[in-house]
PDB file of N, CA and C in Angstrom:
ATOM      1  N   UNK A   1     123.979 116.080  89.459  1.00  0.00           N
ATOM      2  CA  UNK A   1     124.161 115.477  91.057  1.00  0.00           C
ATOM      3  C   UNK A   1     124.380 114.344  91.423  1.00  0.00           C
ATOM      4  N   UNK A   2     125.673 114.153  91.775  1.00  0.00           N
ATOM      5  CA  UNK A   2     126.054 112.322  92.154  1.00  0.00           C
ATOM      6  C   UNK A   2     125.355 111.847  93.265  1.00  0.00           C
ATOM      7  N   UNK A   3     125.301 111.062  93.778  1.00  0.00           N
ATOM      8  CA  UNK A   3     124.768 110.388  94.846  1.00  0.00           C
ATOM      9  C   UNK A   3     126.173 109.983  95.445  1.00  0.00           C
ATOM     10  N   UNK A   4     126.346 110.641  96.994  1.00  0.00           N
ATOM     11  CA  UNK A   4     127.576 110.858  97.727  1.00  0.00           C
ATOM     12  C   UNK A   4     127.891 108.744  97.867  1.00  0.00           C
ATOM     13  N   UNK A   5     126.759 108.181  98.392  1.00  0.00           N
ATOM     14  CA  UNK A   5     126.870 107.065  98.929  1.00  0.00           C
ATOM     15  C   UNK A   5     127.278 106.112  97.984  1.00  0.00           C
ATOM     16  N   UNK A   6     126.662 106.260  96.316  1.00  0.00           N
ATOM     17  CA  UNK A   6     126.888 105.631  95.310  1.00  0.00           C
ATOM     18  C   UNK A   6     128.605 105.545  94.794  1.00  0.00           C
ATOM     19  N   UNK A   7     129.288 107.005  94.666  1.00  0.00           N
ATOM     20  CA  UNK A   7     130.141 107.269  94.992  1.00  0.00           C
ATOM     21  C   UNK A   7     131.398 106.958  95.492  1.00  0.00           C
ATOM     22  N   UNK A   8     130.948 106.779  96.930  1.00  0.00           N
ATOM     23  CA  UNK A   8     131.811 106.019  98.114  1.00  0.00           C
ATOM     24  C   UNK A   8     131.798 104.210  97.874  1.00  0.00           C
ATOM     25  N   UNK A   9     130.458 103.681  96.860  1.00  0.00           N
ATOM     26  CA  UNK A   9     130.415 102.374  96.925  1.00  0.00           C
ATOM     27  C   UNK A   9     129.800 101.789  98.092  1.00  0.00           C
ATOM     28  N   UNK A  10     128.875 102.781  98.805  1.00  0.00           N
ATOM     29  CA  UNK A  10     128.519 102.178  99.864  1.00  0.00           C
ATOM     30  C   UNK A  10     127.004 101.589  99.788  1.00  0.00           C
ATOM     31  N   UNK A  11     126.485 100.408 100.527  1.00  0.00           N
ATOM     32  CA  UNK A  11     125.679  99.567 100.269  1.00  0.00           C
ATOM     33  C   UNK A  11     124.397 100.684 100.675  1.00  0.00           C
ATOM     34  N   UNK A  12     123.252 100.682  99.842  1.00  0.00           N
ATOM     35  CA  UNK A  12     121.979 101.751 100.411  1.00  0.00           C
ATOM     36  C   UNK A  12     121.389 101.694  99.380  1.00  0.00           C
ATOM     37  N   UNK A  13     120.241 102.060  99.467  1.00  0.00           N
ATOM     38  CA  UNK A  13     118.932 102.277  98.765  1.00  0.00           C
ATOM     39  C   UNK A  13     118.649 103.722  98.503  1.00  0.00           C
ATOM     40  N   UNK A  14     117.884 104.132  97.503  1.00  0.00           N
ATOM     41  CA  UNK A  14     116.980 105.454  97.172  1.00  0.00           C
ATOM     42  C   UNK A  14     115.708 105.623  97.390  1.00  0.00           C
ATOM     43  N   UNK A  15     115.345 104.275  97.751  1.00  0.00           N
ATOM     44  CA  UNK A  15     113.709 104.461  98.161  1.00  0.00           C
ATOM     45  C   UNK A  15     113.176 105.078  99.999  1.00  0.00           C
ATOM     46  N   UNK A  16     112.372 105.009 100.024  1.00  0.00           N
ATOM     47  CA  UNK A  16     111.950 105.046 101.065  1.00  0.00           C
ATOM     48  C   UNK A  16     111.247 103.645 102.140  1.00  0.00           C
ATOM     49  N   UNK A  17     111.825 103.561 102.919  1.00  0.00           N
ATOM     50  CA  UNK A  17     111.582 102.709 103.731  1.00  0.00           C
ATOM     51  C   UNK A  17     110.167 103.025 104.635  1.00  0.00           C
ATOM     52  N   UNK A  18     108.930 102.229 104.609  1.00  0.00           N
ATOM     53  CA  UNK A  18     107.633 102.364 105.216  1.00  0.00           C
ATOM     54  C   UNK A  18     107.500 101.405 106.215  1.00  0.00           C
ATOM     55  N   UNK A  19     107.571 101.676 107.511  1.00  0.00           N
ATOM     56  CA  UNK A  19     107.414 100.861 108.385  1.00  0.00           C
ATOM     57  C   UNK A  19     106.064 100.880 108.661  1.00  0.00           C
ATOM     58  N   UNK A  20     105.468  99.452 108.968  1.00  0.00           N
ATOM     59  CA  UNK A  20     104.388  99.193 109.083  1.00  0.00           C
ATOM     60  C   UNK A  20     104.010  98.841 110.548  1.00  0.00           C
ATOM     61  N   UNK A  21     102.959  98.702 111.014  1.00  0.00           N
ATOM     62  CA  UNK A  21     102.336  97.989 112.629  1.00  0.00           C
ATOM     63  C   UNK A  21     102.092  96.908 112.728  1.00  0.00           C
ATOM     64  N   UNK A  22     101.770  96.284 111.501  1.00  0.00           N
ATOM     65  CA  UNK A  22     101.269  95.012 111.613  1.00  0.00           C
ATOM     66  C   UNK A  22     101.792  94.058 110.656  1.00  0.00           C
ATOM     67  N   UNK A  23     102.124  94.984 109.626  1.00  0.00           N
ATOM     68  CA  UNK A  23     102.596  94.065 108.418  1.00  0.00           C
ATOM     69  C   UNK A  23     104.477  94.264 108.182  1.00  0.00           C
ATOM     70  N   UNK A  24     105.065  93.413 107.471  1.00  0.00           N
ATOM     71  CA  UNK A  24     106.302  93.718 107.472  1.00  0.00           C
ATOM     72  C   UNK A  24     106.476  94.867 106.585  1.00  0.00           C
ATOM     73  N   UNK A  25     107.812  95.767 106.872  1.00  0.00           N
ATOM     74  CA  UNK A  25     108.229  96.780 106.274  1.00  0.00           C
ATOM     75  C   UNK A  25     108.236  96.590 104.441  1.00  0.00           C
ATOM     76  N   UNK A  26     108.469  97.621 103.935  1.00  0.00           N
ATOM     77  CA  UNK A  26     108.493  97.613 102.232  1.00  0.00           C
ATOM     78  C   UNK A  26     109.009  98.734 101.866  1.00  0.00           C
ATOM     79  N   UNK A  27     109.574  99.170 101.048  1.00  0.00           N
ATOM     80  CA  UNK A  27     110.414  99.722 100.343  1.00  0.00           C
ATOM     81  C   UNK A  27     109.513 100.371  98.956  1.00  0.00           C
ATOM     82  N   UNK A  28     110.274 101.685  98.647  1.00  0.00           N
ATOM     83  CA  UNK A  28     109.289 102.254  97.420  1.00  0.00           C
ATOM     84  C   UNK A  28     109.994 101.568  96.079  1.00  0.00           C
ATOM     85  N   UNK A  29     111.446 101.045  96.358  1.00  0.00           N
ATOM     86  CA  UNK A  29     111.985 100.485  95.210  1.00  0.00           C
ATOM     87  C   UNK A  29     111.885  99.084  95.266  1.00  0.00           C
ATOM     88  N   UNK A  30     111.260  98.751  94.004  1.00  0.00           N
ATOM     89  CA  UNK A  30     110.919  97.404  93.701  1.00  0.00           C
ATOM     90  C   UNK A  30     112.193  96.329  94.141  1.00  0.00           C
ATOM     91  N   UNK A  31     113.198  96.577  93.618  1.00  0.00           N
ATOM     92  CA  UNK A  31     114.425  96.350  93.442  1.00  0.00           C
ATOM     93  C   UNK A  31     115.354  95.851  94.879  1.00  0.00           C
ATOM     94  N   UNK A  32     114.530  96.618  96.046  1.00  0.00           N
ATOM     95  CA  UNK A  32     115.151  96.399  97.033  1.00  0.00           C
ATOM     96  C   UNK A  32     115.010  95.343  97.835  1.00  0.00           C
ATOM     97  N   UNK A  33     115.945  94.633  98.598  1.00  0.00           N
ATOM     98  CA  UNK A  33     115.822  93.208  99.140  1.00  0.00           C
ATOM     99  C   UNK A  33     116.118  93.426 100.571  1.00  0.00           C
ATOM    100  N   UNK A  34     116.961  94.144 100.819  1.00  0.00           N
ATOM    101  CA  UNK A  34     117.280  94.488 102.259  1.00  0.00           C
ATOM    102  C   UNK A  34     116.504  95.733 103.111  1.00  0.00           C
ATOM    103  N   UNK A  35     115.878  95.579 103.830  1.00  0.00           N
ATOM    104  CA  UNK A  35     115.070  96.686 104.365  1.00  0.00           C
ATOM    105  C   UNK A  35     115.095  97.137 105.500  1.00  0.00           C
ATOM    106  N   UNK A  36     116.718  96.687 106.167  1.00  0.00           N
ATOM    107  CA  UNK A  36     117.045  97.716 107.391  1.00  0.00           C
ATOM    108  C   UNK A  36     116.878  99.336 106.995  1.00  0.00           C
ATOM    109  N   UNK A  37     116.582  99.868 108.162  1.00  0.00           N
ATOM    110  CA  UNK A  37     116.716 101.459 108.229  1.00  0.00           C
ATOM    111  C   UNK A  37     118.033 102.137 107.855  1.00  0.00           C
ATOM    112  N   UNK A  38     118.969 101.402 108.280  1.00  0.00           N
ATOM    113  CA  UNK A  38     120.387 102.210 107.805  1.00  0.00           C
ATOM    114  C   UNK A  38     120.333 102.096 106.508  1.00  0.00           C
ATOM    115  N   UNK A  39     119.920 101.335 105.653  1.00  0.00           N
ATOM    116  CA  UNK A  39     120.498 101.417 104.537  1.00  0.00           C
ATOM    117  C   UNK A  39     119.360 102.600 103.038  1.00  0.00           C
ATOM    118  N   UNK A  40     118.633 103.234 104.271  1.00  0.00           N
ATOM    119  CA  UNK A  40     117.474 103.805 103.506  1.00  0.00           C
ATOM    120  C   UNK A  40     117.721 105.497 104.110  1.00  0.00           C
ATOM    121  N   UNK A  41     117.887 106.482 103.121  1.00  0.00           N
ATOM    122  CA  UNK A  41     117.733 107.840 103.657  1.00  0.00           C
ATOM    123  C   UNK A  41     116.428 108.558 104.172  1.00  0.00           C
ATOM    124  N   UNK A  42     115.175 107.802 103.848  1.00  0.00           N
ATOM    125  CA  UNK A  42     114.000 108.433 104.361  1.00  0.00           C
ATOM    126  C   UNK A  42     113.153 107.122 104.919  1.00  0.00           C
ATOM    127  N   UNK A  43     112.974 107.085 106.121  1.00  0.00           N
ATOM    128  CA  UNK A  43     112.392 105.999 106.750  1.00  0.00           C
ATOM    129  C   UNK A  43     110.739 106.542 107.556  1.00  0.00           C
ATOM    130  N   UNK A  44     109.523 106.227 107.119  1.00  0.00           N
ATOM    131  CA  UNK A  44     108.578 106.437 107.489  1.00  0.00           C
ATOM    132  C   UNK A  44     107.493 105.202 108.315  1.00  0.00           C
ATOM    133  N   UNK A  45     106.862 105.944 109.083  1.00  0.00           N
ATOM    134  CA  UNK A  45     106.082 105.301 109.707  1.00  0.00           C
ATOM    135  C   UNK A  45     104.598 105.332 108.318  1.00  0.00           C
ATOM    136  N   UNK A  46     103.859 104.129 108.677  1.00  0.00           N
ATOM    137  CA  UNK A  46     102.845 103.971 107.563  1.00  0.00           C
ATOM    138  C   UNK A  46     101.802 105.143 107.855  1.00  0.00           C
ATOM    139  N   UNK A  47     101.695 105.290 109.088  1.00  0.00           N
ATOM    140  CA  UNK A  47     100.625 106.301 109.374  1.00  0.00           C
ATOM    141  C   UNK A  47     101.147 107.668 109.000  1.00  0.00           C
ATOM    142  N   UNK A  48     102.073 107.832 108.288  1.00  0.00           N
ATOM    143  CA  UNK A  48     102.438 109.246 107.652  1.00  0.00           C
ATOM    144  C   UNK A  48     102.489 109.205 106.187  1.00  0.00           C
ATOM    145  N   UNK A  49     101.901 108.153 105.888  1.00  0.00           N
ATOM    146  CA  UNK A  49     102.131 108.087 104.077  1.00  0.00           C
ATOM    147  C   UNK A  49     100.669 108.724 103.641  1.00  0.00           C
ATOM    148  N   UNK A  50     100.947 109.933 102.925  1.00  0.00           N
ATOM    149  CA  UNK A  50      99.662 110.727 102.639  1.00  0.00           C
ATOM    150  C   UNK A  50      98.619 110.147 102.472  1.00  0.00           C
ATOM    151  N   UNK A  51      98.352 109.042 101.800  1.00  0.00           N
ATOM    152  CA  UNK A  51      96.831 108.381 101.532  1.00  0.00           C
ATOM    153  C   UNK A  51      96.512 107.215 102.764  1.00  0.00           C
ATOM    154  N   UNK A  52      97.631 107.262 103.670  1.00  0.00           N
ATOM    155  CA  UNK A  52      97.402 106.364 104.927  1.00  0.00           C
ATOM    156  C   UNK A  52      97.617 105.025 104.555  1.00  0.00           C
ATOM    157  N   UNK A  53      97.417 104.158 105.619  1.00  0.00           N
ATOM    158  CA  UNK A  53      97.930 102.585 105.600  1.00  0.00           C
ATOM    159  C   UNK A  53      96.822 101.961 106.255  1.00  0.00           C
ATOM    160  N   UNK A  54      95.980 100.773 105.720  1.00  0.00           N
ATOM    161  CA  UNK A  54      95.173 100.084 106.726  1.00  0.00           C
ATOM    162  C   UNK A  54      95.684  99.354 107.783  1.00  0.00           C
ATOM    163  N   UNK A  55      96.892  99.264 108.277  1.00  0.00           N
ATOM    164  CA  UNK A  55      97.227  98.672 109.456  1.00  0.00           C
ATOM    165  C   UNK A  55      97.435  99.711 110.363  1.00  0.00           C
ATOM    166  N   UNK A  56      97.682 101.020 109.838  1.00  0.00           N
ATOM    167  CA  UNK A  56      97.523 102.229 110.740  1.00  0.00           C
ATOM    168  C   UNK A  56      96.191 102.698 111.046  1.00  0.00           C
ATOM    169  N   UNK A  57      95.108 102.750 110.162  1.00  0.00           N
ATOM    170  CA  UNK A  57      93.866 102.659 110.532  1.00  0.00           C
ATOM    171  C   UNK A  57      93.437 101.949 111.078  1.00  0.00           C
ATOM    172  N   UNK A  58      93.729 100.926 111.268  1.00  0.00           N
ATOM    173  CA  UNK A  58      93.023  99.827 112.342  1.00  0.00           C
ATOM    174  C   UNK A  58      93.725  99.471 113.546  1.00  0.00           C
ATOM    175  N   UNK A  59      94.665  99.989 113.502  1.00  0.00           N
ATOM    176  CA  UNK A  59      96.139 100.378 115.157  1.00  0.00           C
ATOM    177  C   UNK A  59      95.218 101.616 115.855  1.00  0.00           C
ATOM    178  N   UNK A  60      94.368 102.678 114.712  1.00  0.00           N
ATOM    179  CA  UNK A  60      93.949 103.647 115.783  1.00  0.00           C
ATOM    180  C   UNK A  60      92.501 103.243 116.425  1.00  0.00           C
ATOM    181  N   UNK A  61      91.727 102.572 115.824  1.00  0.00           N
ATOM    182  CA  UNK A  61      90.317 102.324 116.176  1.00  0.00           C
ATOM    183  C   UNK A  61      90.347 101.342 117.199  1.00  0.00           C
ATOM    184  N   UNK A  62      89.877 101.513 118.221  1.00  0.00           N
ATOM    185  CA  UNK A  62      89.620 101.119 119.531  1.00  0.00           C
ATOM    186  C   UNK A  62      88.901  99.660 119.205  1.00  0.00           C
ATOM    187  N   UNK A  63      89.567  98.390 119.794  1.00  0.00           N
ATOM    188  CA  UNK A  63      88.679  97.286 119.691  1.00  0.00           C
ATOM    189  C   UNK A  63      87.921  97.248 120.548  1.00  0.00           C
ATOM    190  N   UNK A  64      86.438  96.441 120.216  1.00  0.00           N
ATOM    191  CA  UNK A  64      85.358  96.400 121.306  1.00  0.00           C
ATOM    192  C   UNK A  64      85.620  94.717 121.782  1.00  0.00           C
ATOM    193  N   UNK A  65      85.094  94.853 122.850  1.00  0.00           N
ATOM    194  CA  UNK A  65      85.061  93.443 123.194  1.00  0.00           C
ATOM    195  C   UNK A  65      83.562  92.934 123.231  1.00  0.00           C
ATOM    196  N   UNK A  66      83.225  91.551 122.853  1.00  0.00           N
ATOM    197  CA  UNK A  66      82.059  91.304 122.506  1.00  0.00           C
ATOM    198  C   UNK A  66      81.307  90.991 123.580  1.00  0.00           C
TER     199      UNK A  66
END
């Protein structure tokens, strides 16, 4: 099965873009240099990553005033 975007020579990435709440976005493809959502077929919030994310965990905890 061929990728239609590859066949059409479209600028795209086959990785998954993970959007963090406090950190820059990252892609599961190491070679990906353009982290725009339009280039990725799948975009996930870091809270939806199966093992979780430290920035999603810290955003979910209420802050305490000293």
